[in-house]
Amino acid sequence: MRLAAQMQGSRTMHLEFPALGKHAGDVRRHLKEHLATWGWLDMVDDTLLAANEVFVNAVEHGSSGASDTVSVEIDCAADTLRIAITDSSRSLPDPRVASGFAVGGRGLALVAAVSDRWGAEVAHDGSGKQVWFTLSRSSTP
């Protein structure tokens, strides 16, 4: 894992992990630590759920193997949190409707349910894609 330098007092962070599902716990741990530091503990559960789903999707559907990496960017503004996860695939996510007792197919629906907005775009240079979501304190119950 690589951790980009964080400027003192900054509320942004860039993390990079090998494209392995076992690093989902590391993503959650780092997010929780930073949210606590920035005073966003009230948003931890929804943030961790959505980030975990997007990270696991990036590993399973957006990487070419363990030598690949997945990046996680955290940007915490006054009342909005933005998490963006980047992988090397140019294929945009295709939200599905899970049927019956299907094990998969609910991840992006969960992201949509807990976030204010989410989206995905291919990198301008074609090197991969970024899936992002935002959470706002003003919209929480």
C-alpha atoms as a PDB file:
ATOM      1  CA  MET A   1       0.000   0.000   0.000  1.00  0.00           C
ATOM      2  CA  ARG A   2       1.156   3.506  -0.772  1.00  0.00           C
ATOM      3  CA  LEU A   3      -0.055   6.504   1.115  1.00  0.00           C
ATOM      4  CA  ALA A   4       0.295   9.845  -0.616  1.00  0.00           C
ATOM      5  CA  ALA A   5       1.621  12.720   1.401  1.00  0.00           C
ATOM      6  CA  GLN A   6      -1.068  14.617   3.212  1.00  0.00           C
ATOM      7  CA  MET A   7      -0.502  18.301   3.805  1.00  0.00           C
ATOM      8  CA  GLN A   8      -0.805  19.303   7.437  1.00  0.00           C
ATOM      9  CA  GLY A   9      -4.368  20.367   8.092  1.00  0.00           C
ATOM     10  CA  SER A  10      -5.480  19.021   4.727  1.00  0.00           C
ATOM     11  CA  ARG A  11      -8.698  17.063   4.517  1.00  0.00           C
ATOM     12  CA  THR A  12      -7.725  15.057   1.467  1.00  0.00           C
ATOM     13  CA  MET A  13      -5.985  11.726   1.187  1.00  0.00           C
ATOM     14  CA  HIS A  14      -4.827   9.469  -1.631  1.00  0.00           C
ATOM     15  CA  LEU A  15      -4.244   5.764  -0.928  1.00  0.00           C
ATOM     16  CA  GLU A  16      -3.113   3.045  -3.312  1.00  0.00           C
ATOM     17  CA  PHE A  17      -3.570  -0.674  -2.712  1.00  0.00           C
ATOM     18  CA  PRO A  18      -2.728  -3.860  -4.603  1.00  0.00           C
ATOM     19  CA  ALA A  19      -5.853  -5.085  -6.397  1.00  0.00           C
ATOM     20  CA  LEU A  20      -6.600  -7.801  -3.860  1.00  0.00           C
ATOM     21  CA  GLY A  21      -9.872  -8.217  -1.985  1.00  0.00           C
ATOM     22  CA  LYS A  22      -8.002  -8.718   1.292  1.00  0.00           C
ATOM     23  CA  HIS A  23      -7.161  -4.993   1.254  1.00  0.00           C
ATOM     24  CA  ALA A  24     -10.828  -3.987   1.635  1.00  0.00           C
ATOM     25  CA  GLY A  25     -10.297  -4.078   5.409  1.00  0.00           C
ATOM     26  CA  ASP A  26      -7.304  -1.734   5.062  1.00  0.00           C
ATOM     27  CA  VAL A  27      -9.450   0.685   3.038  1.00  0.00           C
ATOM     28  CA  ARG A  28     -12.150   0.651   5.734  1.00  0.00           C
ATOM     29  CA  ARG A  29      -9.584   1.126   8.520  1.00  0.00           C
ATOM     30  CA  HIS A  30      -7.914   4.116   6.833  1.00  0.00           C
ATOM     31  CA  LEU A  31     -11.264   5.713   6.034  1.00  0.00           C
ATOM     32  CA  LYS A  32     -12.472   5.300   9.609  1.00  0.00           C
ATOM     33  CA  GLU A  33      -9.259   6.802  11.002  1.00  0.00           C
ATOM     34  CA  HIS A  34      -9.453   9.831   8.711  1.00  0.00           C
ATOM     35  CA  LEU A  35     -13.161  10.386   9.267  1.00  0.00           C
ATOM     36  CA  ALA A  36     -12.545  10.335  13.028  1.00  0.00           C
ATOM     37  CA  THR A  37      -9.677  12.811  12.681  1.00  0.00           C
ATOM     38  CA  TRP A  38     -11.834  15.120  10.569  1.00  0.00           C
ATOM     39  CA  GLY A  39     -14.851  14.906  12.891  1.00  0.00           C
ATOM     40  CA  TRP A  40     -17.057  12.839  10.560  1.00  0.00           C
ATOM     41  CA  LEU A  41     -17.771   9.855  12.816  1.00  0.00           C
ATOM     42  CA  ASP A  42     -21.502  10.313  12.195  1.00  0.00           C
ATOM     43  CA  MET A  43     -20.880   9.285   8.569  1.00  0.00           C
ATOM     44  CA  VAL A  44     -18.658   6.255   9.180  1.00  0.00           C
ATOM     45  CA  ASP A  45     -21.166   3.445   8.619  1.00  0.00           C
ATOM     46  CA  ASP A  46     -22.516   4.679   5.281  1.00  0.00           C
ATOM     47  CA  THR A  47     -19.055   5.680   4.062  1.00  0.00           C
ATOM     48  CA  LEU A  48     -17.491   2.324   4.910  1.00  0.00           C
ATOM     49  CA  LEU A  49     -20.361   0.378   3.338  1.00  0.00           C
ATOM     50  CA  ALA A  50     -20.217   2.304   0.062  1.00  0.00           C
ATOM     51  CA  ALA A  51     -16.412   2.375  -0.116  1.00  0.00           C
ATOM     52  CA  ASN A  52     -16.192  -1.349   0.554  1.00  0.00           C
ATOM     53  CA  GLU A  53     -18.654  -2.113  -2.257  1.00  0.00           C
ATOM     54  CA  VAL A  54     -16.854   0.104  -4.765  1.00  0.00           C
ATOM     55  CA  PHE A  55     -13.393  -1.180  -3.762  1.00  0.00           C
ATOM     56  CA  VAL A  56     -14.443  -4.828  -4.050  1.00  0.00           C
ATOM     57  CA  ASN A  57     -16.037  -4.121  -7.452  1.00  0.00           C
ATOM     58  CA  ALA A  58     -12.789  -2.455  -8.589  1.00  0.00           C
ATOM     59  CA  VAL A  59     -10.804  -5.522  -7.548  1.00  0.00           C
ATOM     60  CA  GLU A  60     -13.234  -8.088  -8.974  1.00  0.00           C
ATOM     61  CA  HIS A  61     -14.327  -6.346 -12.171  1.00  0.00           C
ATOM     62  CA  GLY A  62     -11.796  -3.601 -12.835  1.00  0.00           C
ATOM     63  CA  SER A  63      -8.363  -5.069 -12.287  1.00  0.00           C
ATOM     64  CA  SER A  64      -6.199  -7.460 -14.223  1.00  0.00           C
ATOM     65  CA  GLY A  65      -4.745  -9.216 -11.180  1.00  0.00           C
ATOM     66  CA  ALA A  66      -2.682  -8.819  -8.033  1.00  0.00           C
ATOM     67  CA  SER A  67       0.007  -6.784  -9.825  1.00  0.00           C
ATOM     68  CA  ASP A  68      -2.607  -4.119 -10.576  1.00  0.00           C
ATOM     69  CA  THR A  69      -3.500  -1.336  -8.135  1.00  0.00           C
ATOM     70  CA  VAL A  70      -6.664   0.370  -6.954  1.00  0.00           C
ATOM     71  CA  SER A  71      -6.543   3.988  -5.768  1.00  0.00           C
ATOM     72  CA  VAL A  72      -8.777   5.543  -3.145  1.00  0.00           C
ATOM     73  CA  GLU A  73      -9.144   9.317  -2.916  1.00  0.00           C
ATOM     74  CA  ILE A  74     -10.847  10.984   0.015  1.00  0.00           C
ATOM     75  CA  ASP A  75     -11.884  14.627  -0.108  1.00  0.00           C
ATOM     76  CA  CYS A  76     -13.623  16.097   2.908  1.00  0.00           C
ATOM     77  CA  ALA A  77     -15.112  19.558   2.427  1.00  0.00           C
ATOM     78  CA  ALA A  78     -17.116  21.548   4.966  1.00  0.00           C
ATOM     79  CA  ASP A  79     -20.298  19.485   4.691  1.00  0.00           C
ATOM     80  CA  THR A  80     -19.608  17.004   1.862  1.00  0.00           C
ATOM     81  CA  LEU A  81     -17.442  13.928   1.703  1.00  0.00           C
ATOM     82  CA  ARG A  82     -16.327  12.561  -1.680  1.00  0.00           C
ATOM     83  CA  ILE A  83     -14.727   9.157  -2.104  1.00  0.00           C
ATOM     84  CA  ALA A  84     -13.349   8.167  -5.524  1.00  0.00           C
ATOM     85  CA  ILE A  85     -11.949   4.743  -6.332  1.00  0.00           C
ATOM     86  CA  THR A  86      -9.904   4.246  -9.496  1.00  0.00           C
ATOM     87  CA  ASP A  87      -8.994   1.007 -11.270  1.00  0.00           C
ATOM     88  CA  SER A  88      -7.361   0.176 -14.590  1.00  0.00           C
ATOM     89  CA  SER A  89     -10.478  -0.947 -16.476  1.00  0.00           C
ATOM     90  CA  ARG A  90     -12.243   1.376 -18.896  1.00  0.00           C
ATOM     91  CA  SER A  91     -15.505  -0.574 -18.542  1.00  0.00           C
ATOM     92  CA  LEU A  92     -18.055   1.460 -16.630  1.00  0.00           C
ATOM     93  CA  PRO A  93     -20.118  -0.303 -13.975  1.00  0.00           C
ATOM     94  CA  ASP A  94     -23.431  -1.756 -15.069  1.00  0.00           C
ATOM     95  CA  PRO A  95     -25.883  -1.662 -12.153  1.00  0.00           C
ATOM     96  CA  ARG A  96     -27.968  -4.824 -11.972  1.00  0.00           C
ATOM     97  CA  VAL A  97     -31.134  -5.819 -10.216  1.00  0.00           C
ATOM     98  CA  ALA A  98     -30.389  -8.874  -8.113  1.00  0.00           C
ATOM     99  CA  SER A  99     -32.949 -11.604  -8.337  1.00  0.00           C
ATOM    100  CA  GLY A 100     -34.308 -13.641  -5.456  1.00  0.00           C
ATOM    101  CA  PHE A 101     -31.532 -15.139  -3.392  1.00  0.00           C
ATOM    102  CA  ALA A 102     -28.683 -14.124  -5.696  1.00  0.00           C
ATOM    103  CA  VAL A 103     -25.423 -13.602  -3.828  1.00  0.00           C
ATOM    104  CA  GLY A 104     -24.219 -10.692  -5.959  1.00  0.00           C
ATOM    105  CA  GLY A 105     -25.646  -7.761  -7.835  1.00  0.00           C
ATOM    106  CA  ARG A 106     -26.641  -5.500  -4.950  1.00  0.00           C
ATOM    107  CA  GLY A 107     -23.449  -3.497  -4.425  1.00  0.00           C
ATOM    108  CA  LEU A 108     -24.199  -0.454  -6.553  1.00  0.00           C
ATOM    109  CA  ALA A 109     -27.781  -0.381  -5.274  1.00  0.00           C
ATOM    110  CA  LEU A 110     -26.347  -0.157  -1.756  1.00  0.00           C
ATOM    111  CA  VAL A 111     -24.006   2.647  -2.826  1.00  0.00           C
ATOM    112  CA  ALA A 112     -26.962   4.524  -4.354  1.00  0.00           C
ATOM    113  CA  ALA A 113     -29.055   3.957  -1.212  1.00  0.00           C
ATOM    114  CA  VAL A 114     -26.536   5.363   1.274  1.00  0.00           C
ATOM    115  CA  SER A 115     -24.953   8.141  -0.791  1.00  0.00           C
ATOM    116  CA  ASP A 116     -26.290  11.445  -2.070  1.00  0.00           C
ATOM    117  CA  ARG A 117     -24.862  10.864  -5.527  1.00  0.00           C
ATOM    118  CA  TRP A 118     -22.589   8.424  -7.259  1.00  0.00           C
ATOM    119  CA  GLY A 119     -21.173   8.073 -10.723  1.00  0.00           C
ATOM    120  CA  ALA A 120     -18.391   6.738 -12.883  1.00  0.00           C
ATOM    121  CA  GLU A 121     -16.257   8.033 -15.701  1.00  0.00           C
ATOM    122  CA  VAL A 122     -13.446   6.798 -17.866  1.00  0.00           C
ATOM    123  CA  ALA A 123     -10.145   8.613 -17.337  1.00  0.00           C
ATOM    124  CA  HIS A 124      -9.413  11.252 -19.972  1.00  0.00           C
ATOM    125  CA  ASP A 125      -6.242   9.417 -20.978  1.00  0.00           C
ATOM    126  CA  GLY A 126      -8.084   6.081 -21.205  1.00  0.00           C
ATOM    127  CA  SER A 127      -5.975   4.520 -18.455  1.00  0.00           C
ATOM    128  CA  GLY A 128      -8.947   3.297 -16.424  1.00  0.00           C
ATOM    129  CA  LYS A 129     -12.054   4.536 -14.672  1.00  0.00           C
ATOM    130  CA  GLN A 130     -13.089   6.203 -11.473  1.00  0.00           C
ATOM    131  CA  VAL A 131     -16.215   5.374  -9.488  1.00  0.00           C
ATOM    132  CA  TRP A 132     -17.143   8.007  -6.939  1.00  0.00           C
ATOM    133  CA  PHE A 133     -19.821   8.805  -4.398  1.00  0.00           C
ATOM    134  CA  THR A 134     -20.662  11.722  -2.138  1.00  0.00           C
ATOM    135  CA  LEU A 135     -22.247  11.977   1.273  1.00  0.00           C
ATOM    136  CA  SER A 136     -23.474  15.211   2.751  1.00  0.00           C
ATOM    137  CA  ARG A 137     -24.212  15.986   6.359  1.00  0.00           C
ATOM    138  CA  SER A 138     -27.125  18.187   5.311  1.00  0.00           C
ATOM    139  CA  SER A 139     -28.933  15.190   3.791  1.00  0.00           C
ATOM    140  CA  THR A 140     -28.563  12.740   6.659  1.00  0.00           C
ATOM    141  CA  PRO A 141     -31.633  12.005   8.785  1.00  0.00           C
END
